Amino acid sequence: MKATTSTGISRIGLPGSRHNTWLGQILSVILRENRREAVALLPSGEACDLAIDMDGHGLPHHTGKLVRRSPDVDTGIPDPNQWHFSSDAIVWRGASVRHGLLVAVQAGRAFVLTPVRELALPEGMIDFVLAAVATSQALGIEPQGIRRGLEAWRKGFERLKLVGERQGVQVWDDSRCDSDFELMQALQTFERKVTLVSGGPDFGSTIDPELLRHFANRVFLLPGTPVSLVRSWGLALQATLVTDLREALQLSLDRTSAGGAVLVAPACRHGQELSNQVMEAIG
């Protein structure tokens, strides 16, 4: 049986599947660093003391405490059962970004946790961090403890590394991505469509190419990608088969506009061999 914290929260409901993995990882580390392992992280459909709403659609079956985005309309009356997060708006309590700084907010007072640039994460992933910070506030964890937890999480984070920038285009390495689920997880952290480098000898994706069109402008497939997938992705996504990683990166940089991003996410075991190669190729 899980022990209840001093805030009365022992069960936290995570949002839907496309959000809860990143958010769950960040929260787990913050909780561990602050000795709050007694708090359970649960799927959103289960009964919980506090629910996290990432999409703004509300949780009709939850009547308890809530962490959610900053409301569109500020009534001026803080809800004692809500904590908010926002990357572009001021919140009364929870988490926000101010002047490039990630801050924890208590009764309108901001406590600086870290410069956002030092997190070195895709813009879309900042929302997961903000939601985790707001949830930590709801649990009564002090800003120093939240800062310590974020530092521990970032040190142990082994995916989505910014390896460099060329011609105004960022190159992100997710070579550890070895499944369709992780590929979609990575793509959904970017606020704009990316140029995707994927595939390889043991690539067996079942993702509908039409779905990928919502996240990728163009696709380059690494050598060894099965012929059937080269054909299907080539037709639906105008995917191009390349001779090696260096060619894929060069073509990606040439065909991606300044301000865009290239994502190397093989979505197969072959990708584990690419991590150092990405660094060398972009260097």
Protein backbone atom coordinates (compact mmCIF):
# COMPACT_ATOMS: atom_id res chain seq x y z
CA MET A 1 0.00 0.00 0.00
CA LYS A 2 1.34 3.42 -0.97
CA ALA A 3 1.85 5.94 1.80
CA THR A 4 0.09 9.29 1.48
CA THR A 5 2.29 12.39 1.39
CA SER A 6 1.73 15.46 3.56
CA THR A 7 -0.22 16.96 0.64
CA GLY A 8 -2.66 14.05 0.60
CA ILE A 9 -1.37 12.90 -2.81
CA SER A 10 -0.16 9.34 -3.22
CA ARG A 11 -1.58 8.44 -6.66
CA ILE A 12 -0.82 10.57 -9.73
CA GLY A 13 -2.69 9.96 -12.98
CA LEU A 14 -0.46 10.41 -16.04
CA PRO A 15 -1.92 11.63 -19.36
CA GLY A 16 -2.45 9.57 -22.51
CA SER A 17 0.16 7.17 -23.91
CA ARG A 18 1.91 9.60 -26.24
CA HIS A 19 2.80 11.83 -23.30
CA ASN A 20 3.18 9.64 -20.26
CA THR A 21 6.51 7.98 -21.04
CA TRP A 22 8.65 11.13 -21.10
CA LEU A 23 6.67 12.71 -18.27
CA GLY A 24 6.77 9.54 -16.20
CA GLN A 25 10.56 9.30 -16.59
CA ILE A 26 11.14 12.87 -15.45
CA LEU A 27 8.77 12.59 -12.50
CA SER A 28 10.23 9.26 -11.40
CA VAL A 29 13.71 10.76 -11.09
CA ILE A 30 12.48 13.87 -9.25
CA LEU A 31 10.52 11.69 -6.83
CA ARG A 32 13.48 9.38 -6.26
CA GLU A 33 15.89 12.27 -5.67
CA ASN A 34 13.48 13.68 -3.08
CA ARG A 35 12.68 10.32 -1.45
CA ARG A 36 9.09 10.30 -2.63
CA GLU A 37 9.06 6.76 -4.02
CA ALA A 38 5.80 6.16 -2.13
CA VAL A 39 3.95 8.19 -4.76
CA ALA A 40 2.50 5.96 -7.50
CA LEU A 41 2.38 7.02 -11.17
CA LEU A 42 -0.70 5.53 -12.84
CA PRO A 43 -2.44 5.50 -16.23
CA SER A 44 -4.94 8.35 -16.48
CA GLY A 45 -7.92 5.98 -16.47
CA GLU A 46 -7.26 4.82 -12.91
CA ALA A 47 -8.49 6.53 -9.77
CA CYS A 48 -5.95 9.06 -8.50
CA ASP A 49 -5.52 11.92 -6.06
CA LEU A 50 -4.03 14.24 -8.69
CA ALA A 51 -4.36 14.06 -12.49
CA ILE A 52 -2.11 15.65 -15.14
CA ASP A 53 -3.85 17.10 -18.19
CA MET A 54 -1.43 17.79 -21.06
CA ASP A 55 -3.93 18.30 -23.90
CA GLY A 56 -6.36 20.74 -22.33
CA HIS A 57 -9.37 18.54 -23.00
CA GLY A 58 -10.19 18.09 -19.34
CA LEU A 59 -10.66 14.88 -17.40
CA PRO A 60 -14.42 14.43 -16.95
CA HIS A 61 -14.13 11.53 -14.51
CA HIS A 62 -11.63 13.25 -12.23
CA THR A 63 -12.90 15.57 -9.50
CA GLY A 64 -9.76 15.87 -7.38
CA LYS A 65 -6.59 17.90 -7.70
CA LEU A 66 -5.31 18.77 -11.16
CA VAL A 67 -2.16 19.88 -12.99
CA ARG A 68 -2.98 21.50 -16.32
CA ARG A 69 -1.94 24.15 -18.79
CA SER A 70 -2.55 27.75 -17.83
CA PRO A 71 -6.24 28.51 -18.53
CA ASP A 72 -7.11 30.74 -21.50
CA VAL A 73 -9.11 33.04 -19.23
CA ASP A 74 -7.65 34.24 -15.93
CA THR A 75 -10.47 34.83 -13.45
CA GLY A 76 -8.04 36.29 -10.93
CA ILE A 77 -9.16 33.72 -8.37
CA PRO A 78 -6.60 30.91 -7.99
CA ASP A 79 -8.14 27.45 -7.71
CA PRO A 80 -6.69 25.80 -4.58
CA ASN A 81 -6.90 22.39 -6.26
CA GLN A 82 -5.04 23.31 -9.45
CA TRP A 83 -1.42 23.87 -10.46
CA HIS A 84 -0.64 25.25 -13.91
CA PHE A 85 2.24 25.15 -16.37
CA SER A 86 2.96 27.29 -19.42
CA SER A 87 5.93 28.14 -21.63
CA ASP A 88 4.50 31.54 -22.63
CA ALA A 89 2.16 32.72 -19.85
CA ILE A 90 2.51 33.71 -16.21
CA VAL A 91 1.05 31.23 -13.73
CA TRP A 92 0.10 31.80 -10.09
CA ARG A 93 1.57 28.50 -8.95
CA GLY A 94 3.18 25.67 -10.87
CA ALA A 95 5.84 26.15 -13.56
CA SER A 96 6.60 28.49 -16.43
CA VAL A 97 9.34 29.98 -18.59
CA ARG A 98 10.36 33.58 -17.91
CA HIS A 99 13.07 35.35 -19.90
CA GLY A 100 14.53 32.03 -21.01
CA LEU A 101 14.55 30.60 -17.48
CA LEU A 102 12.59 27.60 -16.24
CA VAL A 103 10.96 28.62 -12.97
CA ALA A 104 8.89 27.03 -10.23
CA VAL A 105 6.14 29.40 -9.08
CA GLN A 106 4.63 29.62 -5.60
CA ALA A 107 1.90 32.21 -4.95
CA GLY A 108 3.18 34.29 -7.87
CA ARG A 109 6.80 34.19 -6.74
CA ALA A 110 9.24 32.59 -9.20
CA PHE A 111 12.21 30.42 -8.21
CA VAL A 112 14.75 29.86 -10.97
CA LEU A 113 15.53 26.20 -11.67
CA THR A 114 17.68 26.36 -14.81
CA PRO A 115 18.14 28.26 -18.08
CA VAL A 116 16.01 26.47 -20.68
CA ARG A 117 18.95 26.32 -23.12
CA GLU A 118 20.95 24.23 -20.64
CA LEU A 119 18.34 21.48 -20.82
CA ALA A 120 19.26 21.11 -24.54
CA LEU A 121 15.90 19.53 -25.46
CA PRO A 122 13.54 19.95 -28.42
CA GLU A 123 11.07 22.79 -27.81
CA GLY A 124 8.09 20.45 -27.60
CA MET A 125 9.68 18.47 -24.80
CA ILE A 126 9.83 21.50 -22.51
CA ASP A 127 6.12 21.01 -21.82
CA PHE A 128 6.85 17.62 -20.24
CA VAL A 129 9.46 19.22 -18.00
CA LEU A 130 7.07 22.04 -17.04
CA ALA A 131 4.30 19.57 -16.22
CA ALA A 132 6.72 17.55 -14.06
CA VAL A 133 7.79 20.70 -12.20
CA ALA A 134 4.18 21.77 -11.60
CA THR A 135 3.37 18.27 -10.31
CA SER A 136 6.38 18.41 -8.00
CA GLN A 137 5.03 21.69 -6.65
CA ALA A 138 1.70 20.01 -5.96
CA LEU A 139 3.55 17.36 -3.96
CA GLY A 140 5.17 20.02 -1.82
CA ILE A 141 8.71 19.47 -3.12
CA GLU A 142 10.83 22.57 -2.63
CA PRO A 143 12.49 24.30 -5.63
CA GLN A 144 15.95 23.11 -4.55
CA GLY A 145 14.72 19.51 -4.61
CA ILE A 146 13.08 19.98 -8.02
CA ARG A 147 16.31 21.47 -9.37
CA ARG A 148 18.29 18.52 -8.03
CA GLY A 149 15.85 16.07 -9.61
CA LEU A 150 15.99 17.79 -13.01
CA GLU A 151 19.78 17.74 -12.95
CA ALA A 152 19.79 14.02 -12.14
CA TRP A 153 17.29 13.26 -14.91
CA ARG A 154 19.17 15.26 -17.54
CA LYS A 155 22.46 13.54 -16.69
CA GLY A 156 20.88 10.13 -17.17
CA PHE A 157 18.87 11.00 -20.28
CA GLU A 158 20.29 8.90 -23.14
CA ARG A 159 18.05 9.88 -26.04
CA LEU A 160 17.42 12.97 -28.18
CA LYS A 161 20.81 14.62 -28.07
CA LEU A 162 21.55 17.81 -30.00
CA VAL A 163 24.80 16.95 -31.77
CA GLY A 164 25.28 20.14 -33.74
CA GLU A 165 23.91 22.83 -36.00
CA ARG A 166 24.83 23.45 -39.62
CA GLN A 167 23.41 26.06 -41.98
CA GLY A 168 20.89 27.05 -39.33
CA VAL A 169 19.59 23.46 -39.07
CA GLN A 170 19.75 21.46 -35.85
CA VAL A 171 20.75 17.79 -35.96
CA TRP A 172 19.24 15.59 -33.23
CA ASP A 173 20.53 12.09 -32.55
CA ASP A 174 18.13 9.44 -31.27
CA SER A 175 20.22 6.45 -32.32
CA ARG A 176 18.93 4.52 -29.31
CA CYS A 177 15.44 4.61 -30.82
CA ASP A 178 14.78 0.96 -31.70
CA SER A 179 11.00 0.64 -32.15
CA ASP A 180 8.00 2.26 -33.83
CA PHE A 181 6.76 3.47 -30.46
CA GLU A 182 10.03 5.26 -29.68
CA LEU A 183 10.14 6.75 -33.19
CA MET A 184 6.68 8.29 -32.76
CA GLN A 185 7.60 9.39 -29.25
CA ALA A 186 10.64 11.24 -30.61
CA LEU A 187 8.78 12.82 -33.55
CA GLN A 188 6.06 14.15 -31.25
CA THR A 189 8.54 16.21 -29.23
CA PHE A 190 9.19 18.56 -32.15
CA GLU A 191 6.85 21.48 -32.70
CA ARG A 192 7.45 21.49 -36.47
CA LYS A 193 7.96 18.79 -39.07
CA VAL A 194 11.47 17.39 -39.24
CA THR A 195 13.68 15.74 -41.82
CA LEU A 196 13.86 12.11 -40.71
CA VAL A 197 16.80 9.74 -41.15
CA SER A 198 15.61 6.22 -40.33
CA GLY A 199 15.80 2.57 -41.29
CA GLY A 200 18.56 0.01 -41.57
CA PRO A 201 19.09 -3.75 -41.96
CA ASP A 202 16.60 -4.85 -39.28
CA PHE A 203 14.07 -2.07 -39.87
CA GLY A 204 10.55 -3.49 -39.85
CA SER A 205 8.29 -0.53 -39.21
CA THR A 206 4.52 -0.96 -39.32
CA ILE A 207 3.79 2.78 -38.97
CA ASP A 208 1.32 4.04 -41.55
CA PRO A 209 3.33 6.35 -43.86
CA GLU A 210 0.32 8.68 -43.98
CA LEU A 211 0.69 9.21 -40.24
CA LEU A 212 4.36 10.06 -40.64
CA ARG A 213 3.47 12.82 -43.10
CA HIS A 214 2.16 14.81 -40.13
CA PHE A 215 5.61 14.78 -38.50
CA ALA A 216 8.20 14.56 -41.29
CA ASN A 217 8.68 16.69 -44.39
CA ARG A 218 11.10 14.24 -45.97
CA VAL A 219 12.66 10.88 -45.15
CA PHE A 220 16.05 9.35 -45.91
CA LEU A 221 16.35 5.59 -45.42
CA LEU A 222 19.66 4.05 -44.39
CA PRO A 223 21.26 1.20 -46.36
CA GLY A 224 19.89 -2.25 -45.64
CA THR A 225 16.28 -1.07 -45.25
CA PRO A 226 14.01 -3.87 -46.59
CA VAL A 227 12.99 -3.33 -50.21
CA SER A 228 9.27 -3.52 -49.37
CA LEU A 229 9.56 -0.58 -46.98
CA VAL A 230 11.75 1.40 -49.36
CA ARG A 231 8.96 1.03 -51.93
CA SER A 232 6.01 1.82 -49.65
CA TRP A 233 7.71 4.74 -47.90
CA GLY A 234 9.12 5.93 -51.21
CA LEU A 235 5.66 6.18 -52.73
CA ALA A 236 3.90 7.72 -49.71
CA LEU A 237 6.71 9.89 -48.34
CA GLN A 238 9.04 10.29 -51.31
CA ALA A 239 11.61 8.60 -49.08
CA THR A 240 15.11 8.31 -50.52
CA LEU A 241 17.45 5.36 -49.98
CA VAL A 242 21.02 6.54 -49.30
CA THR A 243 24.38 4.78 -49.43
CA ASP A 244 25.50 5.73 -45.90
CA LEU A 245 24.84 7.96 -42.91
CA ARG A 246 27.13 10.72 -44.13
CA GLU A 247 25.17 11.04 -47.37
CA ALA A 248 21.89 11.04 -45.44
CA LEU A 249 23.05 13.90 -43.23
CA GLN A 250 24.46 15.92 -46.11
CA LEU A 251 21.25 15.60 -48.14
CA SER A 252 19.17 16.36 -45.02
CA LEU A 253 21.10 19.57 -44.34
CA ASP A 254 20.92 20.63 -47.99
CA ARG A 255 17.16 20.12 -48.20
CA THR A 256 16.09 21.43 -44.79
CA SER A 257 15.37 25.14 -44.42
CA ALA A 258 17.14 27.23 -41.79
CA GLY A 259 15.34 26.95 -38.47
CA GLY A 260 14.39 23.33 -39.16
CA ALA A 261 15.63 20.09 -37.64
CA VAL A 262 17.05 16.75 -38.76
CA LEU A 263 16.22 13.73 -36.59
CA VAL A 264 18.32 10.55 -36.80
CA ALA A 265 16.04 7.86 -35.38
CA PRO A 266 16.62 4.43 -36.98
CA ALA A 267 13.78 2.69 -35.09
CA CYS A 268 15.71 -0.58 -35.16
CA ARG A 269 18.55 -2.30 -33.32
CA HIS A 270 20.95 -1.26 -36.08
CA GLY A 271 20.76 2.27 -34.71
CA GLN A 272 22.83 1.41 -31.66
CA GLU A 273 25.88 1.34 -33.95
CA LEU A 274 25.27 4.86 -35.25
CA SER A 275 25.70 7.09 -32.21
CA ASN A 276 29.42 7.82 -32.66
CA GLN A 277 29.00 7.94 -36.43
CA VAL A 278 26.46 10.76 -36.16
CA MET A 279 28.89 12.82 -34.10
CA GLU A 280 31.70 12.18 -36.58
CA ALA A 281 29.56 12.88 -39.63
CA ILE A 282 28.19 16.17 -38.34
CA GLY A 283 31.57 17.19 -36.91
